[in-house]
N, C-alpha and C. Protein backbone atom coordinates (compact mmCIF):
# COMPACT_ATOMS: atom_id res chain seq x y z
N VAL A 1 -196.38 132.40 -82.85
CA VAL A 1 -196.33 131.72 -81.56
C VAL A 1 -196.20 132.76 -80.45
N GLN A 2 -197.06 132.70 -79.50
CA GLN A 2 -196.99 133.63 -78.39
C GLN A 2 -195.87 133.25 -77.43
N LEU A 3 -196.03 132.09 -76.77
CA LEU A 3 -195.05 131.62 -75.80
C LEU A 3 -194.95 130.11 -75.92
N GLN A 4 -193.77 129.61 -76.18
CA GLN A 4 -193.59 128.17 -76.39
C GLN A 4 -192.30 127.72 -75.75
N ALA A 5 -192.45 126.94 -74.68
CA ALA A 5 -191.29 126.42 -73.95
C ALA A 5 -190.92 125.04 -74.44
N SER A 6 -189.64 124.71 -74.32
CA SER A 6 -189.16 123.39 -74.71
C SER A 6 -187.89 123.06 -73.93
N GLY A 7 -187.47 121.81 -74.02
CA GLY A 7 -186.21 121.41 -73.41
C GLY A 7 -186.32 120.58 -72.15
N GLY A 8 -187.53 120.34 -71.69
CA GLY A 8 -187.70 119.55 -70.48
C GLY A 8 -187.41 118.08 -70.70
N GLY A 9 -187.52 117.33 -69.62
CA GLY A 9 -187.29 115.91 -69.72
C GLY A 9 -187.17 115.26 -68.36
N LEU A 10 -186.77 114.01 -68.38
CA LEU A 10 -186.56 113.24 -67.15
C LEU A 10 -185.07 113.23 -66.85
N VAL A 11 -184.73 113.61 -65.63
CA VAL A 11 -183.33 113.69 -65.24
C VAL A 11 -183.17 113.19 -63.82
N GLN A 12 -182.03 112.65 -63.52
CA GLN A 12 -181.76 112.18 -62.16
C GLN A 12 -181.41 113.35 -61.26
N PRO A 13 -181.62 113.20 -59.98
CA PRO A 13 -181.19 114.25 -59.04
C PRO A 13 -179.72 114.59 -59.24
N GLY A 14 -179.44 115.89 -59.23
CA GLY A 14 -178.09 116.37 -59.49
C GLY A 14 -177.82 116.66 -60.95
N GLY A 15 -178.73 116.30 -61.81
CA GLY A 15 -178.56 116.51 -63.24
C GLY A 15 -178.87 117.92 -63.69
N SER A 16 -178.77 118.12 -64.99
CA SER A 16 -178.97 119.45 -65.58
C SER A 16 -179.89 119.38 -66.79
N LEU A 17 -180.55 120.48 -67.05
CA LEU A 17 -181.35 120.68 -68.25
C LEU A 17 -181.24 122.14 -68.66
N ARG A 18 -181.47 122.39 -69.93
CA ARG A 18 -181.56 123.76 -70.41
C ARG A 18 -182.89 123.94 -71.11
N LEU A 19 -183.69 124.84 -70.59
CA LEU A 19 -184.99 125.13 -71.15
C LEU A 19 -184.90 126.36 -72.06
N SER A 20 -185.71 126.35 -73.10
CA SER A 20 -185.80 127.49 -74.01
C SER A 20 -187.25 127.91 -74.13
N CYS A 21 -187.47 129.17 -74.36
CA CYS A 21 -188.82 129.65 -74.60
C CYS A 21 -188.79 130.71 -75.68
N ALA A 22 -189.45 130.42 -76.78
CA ALA A 22 -189.58 131.39 -77.86
C ALA A 22 -190.83 132.22 -77.64
N ALA A 23 -190.70 133.51 -77.79
CA ALA A 23 -191.83 134.41 -77.59
C ALA A 23 -192.03 135.27 -78.83
N SER A 24 -193.25 135.70 -79.02
CA SER A 24 -193.53 136.65 -80.08
C SER A 24 -192.73 137.92 -79.82
N GLY A 25 -192.28 138.54 -80.89
CA GLY A 25 -191.46 139.72 -80.74
C GLY A 25 -192.15 140.84 -79.97
N SER A 26 -193.43 140.97 -80.17
CA SER A 26 -194.16 142.05 -79.50
C SER A 26 -194.19 141.84 -77.99
N ILE A 27 -194.13 140.60 -77.56
CA ILE A 27 -194.07 140.32 -76.12
C ILE A 27 -192.65 140.49 -75.62
N PHE A 28 -191.71 139.91 -76.34
CA PHE A 28 -190.34 139.85 -75.85
C PHE A 28 -189.71 141.24 -75.74
N ARG A 29 -189.93 142.04 -76.73
CA ARG A 29 -189.23 143.35 -76.79
C ARG A 29 -189.66 144.31 -75.69
N THR A 30 -190.87 144.16 -75.22
CA THR A 30 -191.42 145.18 -74.33
C THR A 30 -191.60 144.71 -72.89
N ASN A 31 -191.11 143.51 -72.58
CA ASN A 31 -191.36 142.98 -71.25
C ASN A 31 -190.13 142.39 -70.58
N VAL A 32 -190.13 142.48 -69.27
CA VAL A 32 -189.29 141.60 -68.47
C VAL A 32 -189.85 140.20 -68.68
N MET A 33 -188.96 139.23 -68.90
CA MET A 33 -189.41 137.87 -69.17
C MET A 33 -189.08 136.97 -67.99
N GLY A 34 -190.04 136.13 -67.65
CA GLY A 34 -189.87 135.26 -66.50
C GLY A 34 -190.09 133.80 -66.82
N TRP A 35 -189.55 132.96 -65.99
CA TRP A 35 -189.83 131.54 -65.99
C TRP A 35 -190.66 131.23 -64.75
N TYR A 36 -191.64 130.39 -64.95
CA TYR A 36 -192.54 129.98 -63.88
C TYR A 36 -192.62 128.45 -63.89
N ARG A 37 -193.04 127.88 -62.78
CA ARG A 37 -193.27 126.45 -62.77
C ARG A 37 -194.55 126.14 -62.02
N GLN A 38 -195.18 125.06 -62.46
CA GLN A 38 -196.47 124.68 -61.91
C GLN A 38 -196.44 123.22 -61.50
N ALA A 39 -196.61 123.00 -60.21
CA ALA A 39 -196.74 121.64 -59.69
C ALA A 39 -198.21 121.23 -59.79
N PRO A 40 -198.50 119.93 -59.80
CA PRO A 40 -199.89 119.48 -59.93
C PRO A 40 -200.79 120.08 -58.87
N GLY A 41 -201.91 120.64 -59.29
CA GLY A 41 -202.89 121.19 -58.38
C GLY A 41 -202.56 122.57 -57.84
N LYS A 42 -201.50 123.18 -58.36
CA LYS A 42 -201.11 124.50 -57.88
C LYS A 42 -201.00 125.47 -59.05
N PRO A 43 -201.07 126.77 -58.78
CA PRO A 43 -200.90 127.75 -59.86
C PRO A 43 -199.44 127.88 -60.23
N PRO A 44 -199.15 128.45 -61.40
CA PRO A 44 -197.76 128.71 -61.77
C PRO A 44 -197.12 129.70 -60.77
N LEU A 45 -195.90 129.42 -60.38
CA LEU A 45 -195.16 130.29 -59.47
C LEU A 45 -193.88 130.75 -60.13
N LEU A 46 -193.50 132.00 -59.86
CA LEU A 46 -192.29 132.56 -60.44
C LEU A 46 -191.05 131.80 -59.98
N VAL A 47 -190.14 131.57 -60.92
CA VAL A 47 -188.84 130.98 -60.61
C VAL A 47 -187.74 132.03 -60.77
N ALA A 48 -187.77 132.77 -61.87
CA ALA A 48 -186.74 133.77 -62.15
C ALA A 48 -187.27 134.71 -63.22
N PHE A 49 -186.67 135.92 -63.28
CA PHE A 49 -186.97 136.79 -64.40
C PHE A 49 -185.72 137.55 -64.83
N ALA A 50 -185.75 138.03 -66.07
CA ALA A 50 -184.63 138.76 -66.64
C ALA A 50 -185.14 139.94 -67.45
N SER A 51 -184.54 141.08 -67.24
CA SER A 51 -184.90 142.27 -68.01
C SER A 51 -184.09 142.31 -69.29
N SER A 52 -184.51 143.15 -70.20
CA SER A 52 -183.77 143.29 -71.45
C SER A 52 -182.40 143.90 -71.23
N GLY A 53 -182.26 144.61 -70.12
CA GLY A 53 -180.97 145.22 -69.81
C GLY A 53 -180.01 144.33 -69.07
N GLY A 54 -180.44 143.10 -68.75
CA GLY A 54 -179.54 142.15 -68.12
C GLY A 54 -179.78 141.90 -66.64
N GLY A 55 -180.66 142.66 -66.03
CA GLY A 55 -180.96 142.41 -64.63
C GLY A 55 -181.70 141.10 -64.44
N THR A 56 -181.40 140.40 -63.37
CA THR A 56 -182.04 139.11 -63.11
C THR A 56 -182.50 139.01 -61.66
N TYR A 57 -183.43 138.09 -61.45
CA TYR A 57 -183.93 137.81 -60.11
C TYR A 57 -184.23 136.33 -60.03
N TYR A 58 -183.97 135.75 -58.86
CA TYR A 58 -184.27 134.34 -58.64
C TYR A 58 -184.96 134.17 -57.29
N VAL A 59 -185.88 133.24 -57.25
CA VAL A 59 -186.44 132.91 -55.95
C VAL A 59 -185.38 132.14 -55.16
N ASP A 60 -185.49 132.19 -53.85
CA ASP A 60 -184.43 131.63 -53.00
C ASP A 60 -184.16 130.16 -53.28
N SER A 61 -185.21 129.41 -53.58
CA SER A 61 -185.04 127.97 -53.72
C SER A 61 -184.20 127.56 -54.92
N VAL A 62 -183.97 128.47 -55.87
CA VAL A 62 -183.20 128.11 -57.07
C VAL A 62 -181.91 128.92 -57.19
N LYS A 63 -181.68 129.85 -56.30
CA LYS A 63 -180.46 130.66 -56.36
C LYS A 63 -179.22 129.77 -56.32
N GLY A 64 -178.28 130.07 -57.21
CA GLY A 64 -177.05 129.29 -57.27
C GLY A 64 -177.17 128.01 -58.07
N ARG A 65 -178.38 127.65 -58.46
CA ARG A 65 -178.58 126.41 -59.23
C ARG A 65 -179.13 126.69 -60.63
N PHE A 66 -179.98 127.67 -60.75
CA PHE A 66 -180.60 128.02 -62.04
C PHE A 66 -180.03 129.34 -62.55
N THR A 67 -179.95 129.46 -63.86
CA THR A 67 -179.49 130.69 -64.49
C THR A 67 -180.42 131.05 -65.63
N ILE A 68 -180.96 132.26 -65.57
CA ILE A 68 -181.83 132.75 -66.63
C ILE A 68 -181.02 133.65 -67.56
N SER A 69 -181.31 133.57 -68.83
CA SER A 69 -180.67 134.45 -69.80
C SER A 69 -181.64 134.69 -70.94
N ARG A 70 -181.38 135.72 -71.71
CA ARG A 70 -182.26 136.00 -72.83
C ARG A 70 -181.43 136.43 -74.02
N ASP A 71 -181.88 136.03 -75.19
CA ASP A 71 -181.28 136.44 -76.45
C ASP A 71 -182.27 137.38 -77.13
N ASN A 72 -182.01 138.65 -77.02
CA ASN A 72 -182.95 139.63 -77.53
C ASN A 72 -183.08 139.58 -79.05
N ALA A 73 -182.05 139.11 -79.72
CA ALA A 73 -182.11 139.01 -81.18
C ALA A 73 -182.99 137.86 -81.64
N LYS A 74 -183.10 136.84 -80.79
CA LYS A 74 -183.89 135.66 -81.15
C LYS A 74 -185.24 135.61 -80.44
N ASN A 75 -185.54 136.63 -79.65
CA ASN A 75 -186.79 136.63 -78.88
C ASN A 75 -186.94 135.34 -78.07
N THR A 76 -185.86 134.92 -77.45
CA THR A 76 -185.84 133.66 -76.71
C THR A 76 -185.25 133.88 -75.32
N VAL A 77 -185.87 133.26 -74.35
CA VAL A 77 -185.37 133.29 -72.99
C VAL A 77 -185.02 131.85 -72.60
N TYR A 78 -183.93 131.70 -71.86
CA TYR A 78 -183.42 130.39 -71.48
C TYR A 78 -183.41 130.24 -69.96
N LEU A 79 -183.44 129.01 -69.52
CA LEU A 79 -183.27 128.71 -68.10
C LEU A 79 -182.37 127.48 -68.00
N GLN A 80 -181.18 127.70 -67.48
CA GLN A 80 -180.25 126.59 -67.22
C GLN A 80 -180.53 126.07 -65.83
N LEU A 81 -180.84 124.79 -65.75
CA LEU A 81 -181.17 124.15 -64.48
C LEU A 81 -180.04 123.18 -64.12
N ASN A 82 -179.36 123.47 -63.04
CA ASN A 82 -178.28 122.60 -62.56
C ASN A 82 -178.62 122.09 -61.16
N SER A 83 -177.94 121.04 -60.76
CA SER A 83 -178.12 120.46 -59.42
C SER A 83 -179.60 120.23 -59.13
N LEU A 84 -180.28 119.62 -60.07
CA LEU A 84 -181.72 119.45 -59.95
C LEU A 84 -182.09 118.55 -58.78
N ARG A 85 -183.22 118.87 -58.18
CA ARG A 85 -183.76 118.15 -57.04
C ARG A 85 -185.15 117.62 -57.37
N PRO A 86 -185.60 116.59 -56.69
CA PRO A 86 -186.96 116.09 -56.95
C PRO A 86 -188.02 117.18 -56.81
N GLU A 87 -187.83 118.11 -55.90
CA GLU A 87 -188.82 119.18 -55.71
C GLU A 87 -188.85 120.19 -56.85
N ASP A 88 -187.92 120.10 -57.78
CA ASP A 88 -187.96 120.95 -58.97
C ASP A 88 -188.91 120.38 -60.03
N THR A 89 -189.44 119.21 -59.80
CA THR A 89 -190.36 118.59 -60.76
C THR A 89 -191.61 119.46 -60.92
N ALA A 90 -191.90 119.81 -62.16
CA ALA A 90 -193.04 120.69 -62.46
C ALA A 90 -193.10 120.88 -63.97
N VAL A 91 -194.18 121.50 -64.40
CA VAL A 91 -194.25 122.01 -65.77
C VAL A 91 -193.74 123.44 -65.75
N TYR A 92 -192.79 123.73 -66.61
CA TYR A 92 -192.16 125.04 -66.65
C TYR A 92 -192.71 125.86 -67.82
N TYR A 93 -193.03 127.10 -67.53
CA TYR A 93 -193.58 128.03 -68.53
C TYR A 93 -192.77 129.33 -68.51
N CYS A 94 -192.82 130.03 -69.61
CA CYS A 94 -192.33 131.40 -69.60
C CYS A 94 -193.51 132.34 -69.82
N ASN A 95 -193.34 133.55 -69.37
CA ASN A 95 -194.35 134.58 -69.53
C ASN A 95 -193.66 135.90 -69.19
N ALA A 96 -194.35 136.97 -69.42
CA ALA A 96 -193.83 138.25 -68.96
C ALA A 96 -193.81 138.23 -67.43
N TYR A 97 -193.04 139.16 -66.85
CA TYR A 97 -193.12 139.37 -65.42
C TYR A 97 -193.52 140.82 -65.16
N PRO A 98 -194.62 141.02 -64.43
CA PRO A 98 -195.58 140.02 -63.96
C PRO A 98 -196.29 139.34 -65.13
N SER A 99 -196.77 138.15 -64.90
CA SER A 99 -197.43 137.40 -65.97
C SER A 99 -198.72 138.10 -66.38
N LYS A 100 -198.87 138.30 -67.68
CA LYS A 100 -200.07 138.98 -68.16
C LYS A 100 -200.56 138.45 -69.49
N TYR A 101 -199.89 137.42 -69.99
CA TYR A 101 -200.31 136.83 -71.25
C TYR A 101 -200.84 135.42 -70.98
N ALA A 102 -201.57 134.91 -71.95
CA ALA A 102 -202.08 133.55 -71.82
C ALA A 102 -200.90 132.58 -71.70
N TRP A 103 -201.06 131.61 -70.81
CA TRP A 103 -200.00 130.63 -70.64
C TRP A 103 -199.91 129.77 -71.91
N GLY A 104 -198.75 129.74 -72.49
CA GLY A 104 -198.56 128.96 -73.70
C GLY A 104 -198.16 127.54 -73.38
N GLN A 105 -197.42 126.97 -74.29
CA GLN A 105 -196.96 125.59 -74.11
C GLN A 105 -195.87 125.53 -73.06
N GLY A 106 -196.07 124.68 -72.08
CA GLY A 106 -195.04 124.47 -71.08
C GLY A 106 -194.18 123.27 -71.42
N THR A 107 -193.21 123.01 -70.58
CA THR A 107 -192.35 121.85 -70.78
C THR A 107 -192.16 121.14 -69.44
N GLN A 108 -192.36 119.82 -69.45
CA GLN A 108 -192.32 119.05 -68.22
C GLN A 108 -190.88 118.75 -67.81
N VAL A 109 -190.58 119.04 -66.57
CA VAL A 109 -189.29 118.66 -65.98
C VAL A 109 -189.59 117.68 -64.85
N THR A 110 -189.02 116.49 -64.96
CA THR A 110 -189.19 115.47 -63.93
C THR A 110 -187.83 115.07 -63.41
N VAL A 111 -187.66 115.23 -62.10
CA VAL A 111 -186.39 114.88 -61.46
C VAL A 111 -186.64 113.66 -60.58
N SER A 112 -186.08 112.55 -60.97
CA SER A 112 -186.35 111.31 -60.26
C SER A 112 -185.23 110.31 -60.55
N SER A 113 -184.95 109.49 -59.54
CA SER A 113 -183.97 108.43 -59.74
C SER A 113 -184.66 107.13 -60.14
């Protein structure tokens, strides 16, 4: 499996989700890993990334609400989504940062009351 995200779902505003993305070892070990999201009719946009050394970055719209982490032993990157808003609704993907691999399976996050 190259890149496979999971953990999405339907949640009310203010709710939480935890997304997981399993990556092939050859991708995970050698790259900064990022989470991206794609709204209908738009390209995937970066949400956050994490280096193997622990450095992280978040776009302004998710700072303080989302937390990215990675388990280097499991080749898995996570995204904890808290205080969700309707505008967070999108399909979420992981990829290297910058993205350079084929987009794998995403996971739908829908925030709605």
